[in-house]
Amino acid sequence: MVGAGVLGLPYSFVYLGWAGGMCVMLLSLAISWYTFYELVHLHEVPHPTHPGVKPPRRLNRYHELTQHAWGVVRGSWAILPFQVAVMSGLGVTYTVTGGSSLASLARRHGYVGVSRTGCIVAFSAAQVLLSQLPSFNDLTWVSGVGALMSLVYSVIAVTLSIGQASSGNQEQQPSYEPGTPGESSHEFLFGVFNAIATVCFAWGGHNVALEIQATLPYPPSTVQPMMRGVNLAYLAAFICYFGVSITGYAVFGNAVAENVLESIGQPLSLISLAEVCVVLHVAASCQVYSFPVYDMIQQALWRRGLRLSRAAARLVRAGYMLLICFVAALLPFFGDLMGLVGAIGVTPTTFLMPALLWLHLRRPPRSSIAFIGNVAIVVLCALVGVLGAVGSLHLIARHAAQYQLFS
């Protein structure tokens, strides 16, 4: 649940300020948890021919749920393009992040000649090895390590921020006036759009929610144990996200860097440890979001009459990771593009689709809180998605002159 984007959350407060930042954080947390709750409770549906007699049918993939709601063709088109965009986009983003963190780590220790492209290739080599794990179930220890690493680098960021404030080494008192010096009003407005989108898109995990729930044994119902895990994950995310955001912005104010570790800088040993934790975390997260893609590829080939042997399936996985590596090395500025991918993909899969599915399958009365709340979620989050797309396109246009392939 906790993503490497947590280190960029303090920078969002530069444009949102204390009040706006806290409101957006709390509202996006509440909506994200509620839509996750809806997906978990839609995982089990009554048996189609013997409801109440035979065990319920389990919908183990997001597209199985949408197909159950709207039919095979419409259900597939309703979710698969957005899912593929998010999961492949996150694969590229995590690869760029992992390679960039490795390069930053090397440069901090005096290896200034290390290229980011080389580090992306090295990171991808490890990803090819991890892709050979037999199934999604075998990722338990990998995702466990990734979750632990995210907690470690979050604690380091919080601790060092507080330590820097208490040491009295800051050159000047931080400013909390929204915006950056010398910025025009329209630049500030686009900055607000990007900040709102950054905070909202930080809450994720919905793309693989049903795949994770599918690993739980039945009977008894998987809903209660899954919700316990979801609540623990959101509690950890709440502590990390709010801890890093509040301490980072409180200590550095509008001078905070887009990655709060860059603002801290010292001590080298702990900053290096945090960089290592980021690498391990994104390595684990990359596979969590890639395994469903492997499954989609194999299912697509199977529908065309191609049954892959175990060796061929391993080659397909390795080929997919090599493609991700190529795109990451070709477009190391993909972080700017990911804002657009997030607006197009994260908005539907995390916020819109669960609410629409709940309205369609559960059919709450129009006067009920559930109906009004879900309609409000759809309208509000669709607006956030549009603002995020506009802000991302503006960022891409502004930075286009600086882009270099394989840089």
Protein backbone atom coordinates (compact mmCIF):
# COMPACT_ATOMS: atom_id res chain seq x y z
CA MET A 1 0.00 0.00 0.00
CA VAL A 2 2.80 2.45 0.87
CA GLY A 3 4.43 3.59 -2.37
CA ALA A 4 7.74 5.29 -3.07
CA GLY A 5 5.66 8.37 -3.94
CA VAL A 6 5.36 9.02 -0.20
CA LEU A 7 8.73 10.81 -0.38
CA GLY A 8 7.19 13.35 -2.77
CA LEU A 9 4.11 14.11 -0.71
CA PRO A 10 5.68 17.00 1.27
CA TYR A 11 6.25 18.79 -2.05
CA SER A 12 2.49 18.64 -2.74
CA PHE A 13 1.97 20.82 0.32
CA VAL A 14 4.03 23.55 -1.39
CA TYR A 15 0.99 24.21 -3.58
CA LEU A 16 -1.82 23.05 -1.31
CA GLY A 17 -0.61 24.58 1.97
CA TRP A 18 -1.37 23.11 5.39
CA ALA A 19 -5.17 23.28 5.18
CA GLY A 20 -5.49 22.18 1.56
CA GLY A 21 -2.88 19.45 1.89
CA MET A 22 -4.45 17.91 4.99
CA CYS A 23 -7.97 18.08 3.52
CA VAL A 24 -6.93 16.40 0.26
CA MET A 25 -4.93 13.75 2.15
CA LEU A 26 -7.81 12.89 4.49
CA LEU A 27 -10.49 12.92 1.79
CA SER A 28 -8.47 10.79 -0.63
CA LEU A 29 -7.66 8.36 2.20
CA ALA A 30 -11.35 7.99 3.10
CA ILE A 31 -12.50 7.53 -0.50
CA SER A 32 -9.69 5.10 -1.33
CA TRP A 33 -10.43 2.97 1.74
CA TYR A 34 -14.15 2.93 0.95
CA THR A 35 -13.69 1.89 -2.70
CA PHE A 36 -11.28 -0.83 -1.54
CA TYR A 37 -13.98 -1.95 0.91
CA GLU A 38 -16.43 -2.17 -1.98
CA LEU A 39 -14.11 -4.33 -4.09
CA VAL A 40 -13.48 -6.71 -1.18
CA HIS A 41 -17.22 -7.14 -0.58
CA LEU A 42 -17.88 -7.74 -4.29
CA HIS A 43 -15.32 -10.56 -4.49
CA GLU A 44 -17.89 -13.21 -3.52
CA VAL A 45 -21.22 -13.28 -5.39
CA PRO A 46 -24.12 -15.73 -5.00
CA HIS A 47 -23.93 -18.96 -6.99
CA PRO A 48 -25.61 -18.29 -10.38
CA THR A 49 -27.91 -21.35 -10.27
CA HIS A 50 -28.12 -22.34 -6.59
CA PRO A 51 -27.81 -19.14 -4.51
CA GLY A 52 -27.73 -19.84 -0.80
CA VAL A 53 -27.24 -23.57 -1.42
CA LYS A 54 -23.89 -23.87 -3.14
CA PRO A 55 -20.80 -21.82 -2.15
CA PRO A 56 -20.66 -18.36 -3.72
CA ARG A 57 -18.71 -17.74 -6.88
CA ARG A 58 -15.38 -16.00 -6.32
CA LEU A 59 -14.34 -13.29 -8.78
CA ASN A 60 -10.56 -13.50 -8.59
CA ARG A 61 -9.66 -10.87 -11.17
CA TYR A 62 -10.81 -7.28 -11.63
CA HIS A 63 -11.98 -8.03 -15.17
CA GLU A 64 -13.97 -11.04 -13.92
CA LEU A 65 -15.90 -8.66 -11.67
CA THR A 66 -16.63 -6.18 -14.48
CA GLN A 67 -17.57 -9.06 -16.82
CA HIS A 68 -19.97 -10.35 -14.16
CA ALA A 69 -21.55 -6.89 -14.03
CA TRP A 70 -21.69 -5.90 -17.71
CA GLY A 71 -20.97 -9.01 -19.77
CA VAL A 72 -17.78 -10.37 -21.28
CA VAL A 73 -17.18 -7.79 -24.01
CA ARG A 74 -18.32 -4.60 -22.29
CA GLY A 75 -16.91 -5.76 -18.96
CA SER A 76 -13.50 -6.39 -20.49
CA TRP A 77 -13.35 -3.03 -22.23
CA ALA A 78 -14.56 -1.29 -19.07
CA ILE A 79 -11.46 -2.22 -17.07
CA LEU A 80 -8.67 -4.00 -19.00
CA PRO A 81 -7.28 -0.97 -20.92
CA PHE A 82 -7.04 1.04 -17.70
CA GLN A 83 -5.58 -1.88 -15.76
CA VAL A 84 -2.91 -2.54 -18.37
CA ALA A 85 -2.06 1.18 -18.53
CA VAL A 86 -1.64 1.39 -14.75
CA MET A 87 0.28 -1.85 -14.24
CA SER A 88 2.64 -1.44 -17.18
CA GLY A 89 3.03 2.26 -16.37
CA LEU A 90 3.88 1.45 -12.77
CA GLY A 91 6.33 -1.19 -14.01
CA VAL A 92 8.18 1.46 -16.01
CA THR A 93 7.96 4.02 -13.20
CA TYR A 94 9.28 1.59 -10.59
CA THR A 95 12.11 0.60 -12.93
CA VAL A 96 13.07 4.25 -13.49
CA THR A 97 12.84 4.88 -9.73
CA GLY A 98 14.93 1.82 -8.90
CA GLY A 99 17.60 2.72 -11.45
CA SER A 100 17.63 6.38 -10.39
CA SER A 101 18.00 5.42 -6.72
CA LEU A 102 20.88 3.08 -7.55
CA ALA A 103 22.58 5.85 -9.55
CA SER A 104 22.00 8.37 -6.75
CA LEU A 105 23.42 5.91 -4.22
CA ALA A 106 26.53 5.36 -6.32
CA ARG A 107 27.09 9.10 -6.81
CA ARG A 108 26.70 9.78 -3.10
CA HIS A 109 29.64 7.45 -2.55
CA GLY A 110 31.88 9.05 -5.17
CA TYR A 111 31.09 6.97 -8.26
CA VAL A 112 30.16 10.00 -10.36
CA GLY A 113 30.57 8.21 -13.69
CA VAL A 114 27.72 5.79 -13.07
CA SER A 115 24.91 6.32 -15.58
CA ARG A 116 21.24 6.05 -14.78
CA THR A 117 20.68 3.90 -17.88
CA GLY A 118 23.24 1.37 -16.66
CA CYS A 119 21.57 1.26 -13.26
CA ILE A 120 18.16 0.76 -14.90
CA VAL A 121 19.59 -2.24 -16.78
CA ALA A 122 21.07 -3.66 -13.57
CA PHE A 123 17.77 -3.19 -11.75
CA SER A 124 15.91 -4.86 -14.62
CA ALA A 125 18.24 -7.87 -14.51
CA ALA A 126 17.07 -8.49 -10.94
CA GLN A 127 13.47 -8.05 -12.10
CA VAL A 128 13.92 -10.74 -14.76
CA LEU A 129 15.03 -13.14 -12.02
CA LEU A 130 12.08 -12.25 -9.76
CA SER A 131 9.69 -12.71 -12.68
CA GLN A 132 10.56 -16.42 -12.70
CA LEU A 133 8.75 -17.07 -9.40
CA PRO A 134 6.05 -19.68 -10.12
CA SER A 135 2.89 -17.79 -9.16
CA PHE A 136 1.37 -14.76 -7.46
CA ASN A 137 1.20 -16.76 -4.21
CA ASP A 138 4.99 -17.02 -4.20
CA LEU A 139 5.27 -13.23 -4.01
CA THR A 140 4.24 -13.24 -0.34
CA TRP A 141 7.79 -12.95 0.97
CA VAL A 142 8.75 -10.50 -1.78
CA SER A 143 5.85 -8.16 -1.03
CA GLY A 144 6.54 -8.58 2.70
CA VAL A 145 10.12 -7.37 2.22
CA GLY A 146 8.86 -4.49 0.07
CA ALA A 147 6.35 -3.42 2.72
CA LEU A 148 9.03 -3.51 5.42
CA MET A 149 11.39 -1.43 3.28
CA SER A 150 8.72 1.23 2.73
CA LEU A 151 8.26 1.54 6.48
CA VAL A 152 12.02 1.81 7.00
CA TYR A 153 12.62 4.64 4.52
CA SER A 154 9.53 6.47 5.78
CA VAL A 155 10.81 6.26 9.36
CA ILE A 156 14.23 7.49 8.21
CA ALA A 157 12.66 10.47 6.41
CA VAL A 158 10.55 11.39 9.45
CA THR A 159 13.39 10.93 11.94
CA LEU A 160 15.96 12.89 9.96
CA SER A 161 13.50 15.72 9.24
CA ILE A 162 12.77 16.08 12.96
CA GLY A 163 16.48 15.79 13.73
CA GLN A 164 17.34 18.57 11.29
CA ALA A 165 14.71 20.85 12.85
CA SER A 166 15.91 20.19 16.40
CA SER A 167 19.59 20.68 15.49
CA GLY A 168 19.04 24.33 14.59
CA ASN A 169 21.20 24.02 11.44
CA GLN A 170 18.61 25.50 9.10
CA GLU A 171 19.81 28.67 7.38
CA GLN A 172 16.40 30.36 7.54
CA GLN A 173 12.93 29.80 8.89
CA PRO A 174 10.70 27.83 6.49
CA SER A 175 7.99 29.66 4.57
CA TYR A 176 4.53 28.12 4.26
CA GLU A 177 3.09 30.56 1.74
CA PRO A 178 1.58 28.39 -1.06
CA GLY A 179 3.55 28.39 -4.31
CA THR A 180 7.17 28.98 -5.25
CA PRO A 181 8.90 32.38 -5.61
CA GLY A 182 8.57 34.08 -8.99
CA GLU A 183 5.83 31.75 -10.19
CA SER A 184 3.00 33.09 -12.36
CA SER A 185 -0.62 32.60 -11.36
CA HIS A 186 -1.31 30.04 -14.09
CA GLU A 187 1.85 28.09 -13.21
CA PHE A 188 0.65 28.02 -9.61
CA LEU A 189 -2.77 26.78 -10.74
CA PHE A 190 -1.24 23.91 -12.71
CA GLY A 191 0.95 23.16 -9.70
CA VAL A 192 -2.20 22.83 -7.58
CA PHE A 193 -3.69 20.43 -10.15
CA ASN A 194 -0.55 18.27 -10.06
CA ALA A 195 -0.39 18.36 -6.27
CA ILE A 196 -4.00 17.18 -5.89
CA ALA A 197 -3.41 14.39 -8.39
CA THR A 198 -0.14 13.35 -6.71
CA VAL A 199 -1.85 12.96 -3.34
CA CYS A 200 -4.88 11.13 -4.73
CA PHE A 201 -2.88 8.77 -6.93
CA ALA A 202 -0.67 7.81 -3.95
CA TRP A 203 -3.50 5.66 -2.61
CA GLY A 204 -3.58 2.52 -4.72
CA GLY A 205 -3.49 -1.24 -4.63
CA HIS A 206 -6.98 -1.64 -6.06
CA ASN A 207 -5.65 -3.11 -9.32
CA VAL A 208 -4.45 -6.25 -7.53
CA ALA A 209 -6.99 -6.30 -4.68
CA LEU A 210 -8.99 -9.24 -6.02
CA GLU A 211 -5.84 -11.17 -6.98
CA ILE A 212 -4.64 -10.82 -3.38
CA GLN A 213 -8.04 -11.81 -1.99
CA ALA A 214 -8.04 -14.85 -4.29
CA THR A 215 -5.04 -16.25 -2.37
CA LEU A 216 -7.13 -16.51 0.83
CA PRO A 217 -8.72 -19.92 1.53
CA TYR A 218 -12.49 -20.46 1.34
CA PRO A 219 -14.48 -21.41 3.39
CA PRO A 220 -14.97 -19.44 5.56
CA SER A 221 -15.66 -16.13 3.83
CA THR A 222 -12.58 -14.22 2.68
CA VAL A 223 -14.15 -10.82 3.39
CA GLN A 224 -13.31 -10.56 7.09
CA PRO A 225 -9.63 -11.64 6.88
CA MET A 226 -9.13 -9.50 3.77
CA MET A 227 -10.58 -6.44 5.49
CA ARG A 228 -8.30 -7.00 8.48
CA GLY A 229 -5.35 -6.92 6.11
CA VAL A 230 -6.72 -3.87 4.30
CA ASN A 231 -7.22 -2.00 7.57
CA LEU A 232 -3.67 -2.79 8.70
CA ALA A 233 -2.30 -1.69 5.32
CA TYR A 234 -4.20 1.59 5.45
CA LEU A 235 -3.10 2.18 9.04
CA ALA A 236 0.54 1.75 7.97
CA ALA A 237 -0.04 4.01 4.96
CA PHE A 238 -1.72 6.62 7.16
CA ILE A 239 1.24 6.70 9.57
CA CYS A 240 3.83 6.84 6.78
CA TYR A 241 2.05 9.29 4.48
CA PHE A 242 1.01 11.75 7.15
CA GLY A 243 4.27 11.37 9.08
CA VAL A 244 6.47 12.08 6.06
CA SER A 245 4.20 14.85 4.74
CA ILE A 246 3.82 16.73 8.02
CA THR A 247 7.45 16.53 9.15
CA GLY A 248 8.90 17.20 5.69
CA TYR A 249 6.76 20.26 5.04
CA ALA A 250 6.99 21.53 8.63
CA VAL A 251 10.79 21.45 8.60
CA PHE A 252 11.55 22.66 5.06
CA GLY A 253 8.39 24.53 4.08
CA ASN A 254 8.25 25.63 0.46
CA ALA A 255 11.95 24.84 0.05
CA VAL A 256 11.30 21.08 0.31
CA ALA A 257 12.57 19.10 -2.68
CA GLU A 258 10.37 16.88 -4.83
CA ASN A 259 12.04 13.98 -2.99
CA VAL A 260 12.30 14.93 0.68
CA LEU A 261 15.53 12.89 1.05
CA GLU A 262 17.22 15.42 -1.24
CA SER A 263 16.36 18.18 1.24
CA ILE A 264 17.83 16.25 4.16
CA GLY A 265 21.09 15.11 2.57
CA GLN A 266 22.84 13.99 5.79
CA PRO A 267 23.93 11.75 7.43
CA LEU A 268 25.16 9.86 4.40
CA SER A 269 24.82 6.43 6.00
CA LEU A 270 21.10 6.79 6.77
CA ILE A 271 20.29 8.49 3.46
CA SER A 272 22.09 5.63 1.70
CA LEU A 273 20.09 3.10 3.72
CA ALA A 274 16.89 4.87 2.70
CA GLU A 275 17.95 4.72 -0.98
CA VAL A 276 18.62 0.97 -0.64
CA CYS A 277 15.19 0.51 0.94
CA VAL A 278 13.57 2.41 -1.93
CA VAL A 279 15.30 0.10 -4.43
CA LEU A 280 14.16 -3.05 -2.60
CA HIS A 281 10.64 -1.69 -2.21
CA VAL A 282 10.14 -0.78 -5.87
CA ALA A 283 11.71 -4.11 -6.90
CA ALA A 284 9.02 -5.94 -4.93
CA SER A 285 6.21 -3.61 -6.05
CA CYS A 286 7.20 -3.97 -9.70
CA GLN A 287 6.56 -7.71 -9.55
CA VAL A 288 3.31 -7.36 -7.60
CA TYR A 289 1.95 -5.24 -10.46
CA SER A 290 3.60 -7.31 -13.22
CA PHE A 291 2.28 -10.76 -12.29
CA PRO A 292 -1.32 -9.89 -13.29
CA VAL A 293 0.06 -8.73 -16.66
CA TYR A 294 1.83 -12.07 -17.12
CA ASP A 295 -1.50 -13.75 -16.43
CA MET A 296 -3.31 -11.53 -18.96
CA ILE A 297 -0.71 -12.29 -21.65
CA GLN A 298 -0.96 -16.04 -21.07
CA GLN A 299 -4.77 -15.94 -21.11
CA ALA A 300 -4.76 -13.94 -24.36
CA LEU A 301 -2.43 -16.48 -25.99
CA TRP A 302 -4.52 -19.37 -24.64
CA ARG A 303 -7.69 -17.90 -26.19
CA ARG A 304 -5.85 -17.92 -29.52
CA GLY A 305 -5.04 -21.60 -29.16
CA LEU A 306 -1.47 -21.18 -27.88
CA ARG A 307 -0.83 -23.18 -24.72
CA LEU A 308 2.53 -22.17 -23.31
CA SER A 309 4.87 -24.68 -21.77
CA ARG A 310 6.47 -23.75 -18.47
CA ALA A 311 9.68 -22.76 -20.25
CA ALA A 312 7.79 -20.64 -22.79
CA ALA A 313 5.85 -18.92 -20.00
CA ARG A 314 9.13 -18.03 -18.30
CA LEU A 315 10.43 -16.58 -21.56
CA VAL A 316 7.26 -14.48 -21.95
CA ARG A 317 7.74 -13.06 -18.46
CA ALA A 318 11.40 -12.30 -19.11
CA GLY A 319 10.48 -10.69 -22.44
CA TYR A 320 7.90 -8.46 -20.76
CA MET A 321 10.44 -7.30 -18.17
CA LEU A 322 12.98 -6.60 -20.91
CA LEU A 323 10.36 -4.49 -22.71
CA ILE A 324 9.74 -2.57 -19.48
CA CYS A 325 13.52 -2.10 -19.15
CA PHE A 326 13.78 -0.75 -22.70
CA VAL A 327 10.99 1.78 -22.19
CA ALA A 328 12.44 2.85 -18.82
CA ALA A 329 15.90 3.35 -20.32
CA LEU A 330 14.48 5.09 -23.40
CA LEU A 331 12.24 7.43 -21.40
CA PRO A 332 13.91 8.12 -18.04
CA PHE A 333 11.64 11.18 -17.74
CA PHE A 334 8.65 8.79 -17.57
CA GLY A 335 7.80 10.25 -14.15
CA ASP A 336 6.22 13.22 -15.93
CA LEU A 337 4.24 10.88 -18.16
CA MET A 338 3.13 8.79 -15.18
CA GLY A 339 1.00 11.69 -13.98
CA LEU A 340 -0.98 11.35 -17.19
CA VAL A 341 -1.04 7.55 -16.89
CA GLY A 342 -2.28 7.96 -13.32
CA ALA A 343 -5.05 10.31 -14.41
CA ILE A 344 -6.14 7.95 -17.18
CA GLY A 345 -5.67 4.66 -15.32
CA VAL A 346 -5.63 5.15 -11.54
CA THR A 347 -8.74 7.34 -11.53
CA PRO A 348 -11.00 4.66 -13.07
CA THR A 349 -9.51 1.59 -11.36
CA THR A 350 -9.12 3.05 -7.86
CA PHE A 351 -11.99 5.52 -7.56
CA LEU A 352 -14.59 5.28 -10.34
CA MET A 353 -15.01 1.59 -11.13
CA PRO A 354 -15.61 0.27 -7.57
CA ALA A 355 -18.31 2.90 -7.00
CA LEU A 356 -19.97 2.20 -10.37
CA LEU A 357 -19.86 -1.56 -9.76
CA TRP A 358 -21.42 -1.12 -6.32
CA LEU A 359 -24.23 0.99 -7.76
CA HIS A 360 -24.86 -1.54 -10.54
CA LEU A 361 -24.60 -4.79 -8.55
CA ARG A 362 -25.92 -3.79 -5.13
CA ARG A 363 -28.46 -1.24 -6.41
CA PRO A 364 -28.82 0.85 -3.23
CA PRO A 365 -31.98 2.99 -2.98
CA ARG A 366 -31.58 6.41 -4.58
CA SER A 367 -32.28 8.13 -1.28
CA SER A 368 -29.70 6.06 0.64
CA ILE A 369 -26.31 7.29 1.84
CA ALA A 370 -24.64 4.53 -0.21
CA PHE A 371 -26.19 5.77 -3.47
CA ILE A 372 -25.54 9.47 -2.83
CA GLY A 373 -22.01 8.79 -1.56
CA ASN A 374 -21.02 6.65 -4.54
CA VAL A 375 -22.43 9.14 -7.04
CA ALA A 376 -20.49 11.91 -5.27
CA ILE A 377 -17.32 9.80 -5.44
CA VAL A 378 -17.74 9.28 -9.19
CA VAL A 379 -18.31 12.99 -9.90
CA LEU A 380 -15.57 14.29 -7.59
CA CYS A 381 -12.93 11.76 -8.63
CA ALA A 382 -13.69 12.16 -12.33
CA LEU A 383 -13.02 15.88 -11.85
CA VAL A 384 -9.73 15.10 -10.07
CA GLY A 385 -8.76 12.82 -12.96
CA VAL A 386 -9.39 15.60 -15.48
CA LEU A 387 -7.41 18.11 -13.40
CA GLY A 388 -4.57 15.59 -13.04
CA ALA A 389 -4.47 15.01 -16.79
CA VAL A 390 -4.43 18.77 -17.50
CA GLY A 391 -1.69 19.35 -14.94
CA SER A 392 0.39 16.48 -16.29
CA LEU A 393 0.08 17.64 -19.90
CA HIS A 394 1.21 21.10 -18.84
CA LEU A 395 4.20 19.61 -17.00
CA ILE A 396 5.14 17.56 -20.08
CA ALA A 397 4.89 20.63 -22.32
CA ARG A 398 7.01 22.70 -19.92
CA HIS A 399 9.74 20.06 -19.61
CA ALA A 400 9.70 18.86 -23.24
CA ALA A 401 12.82 20.83 -24.19
CA GLN A 402 14.79 19.10 -21.41
CA TYR A 403 13.88 15.53 -22.42
CA GLN A 404 16.68 13.33 -23.73
CA LEU A 405 16.32 9.71 -24.79
CA PHE A 406 18.54 7.22 -22.94
CA SER A 407 19.80 10.06 -20.70
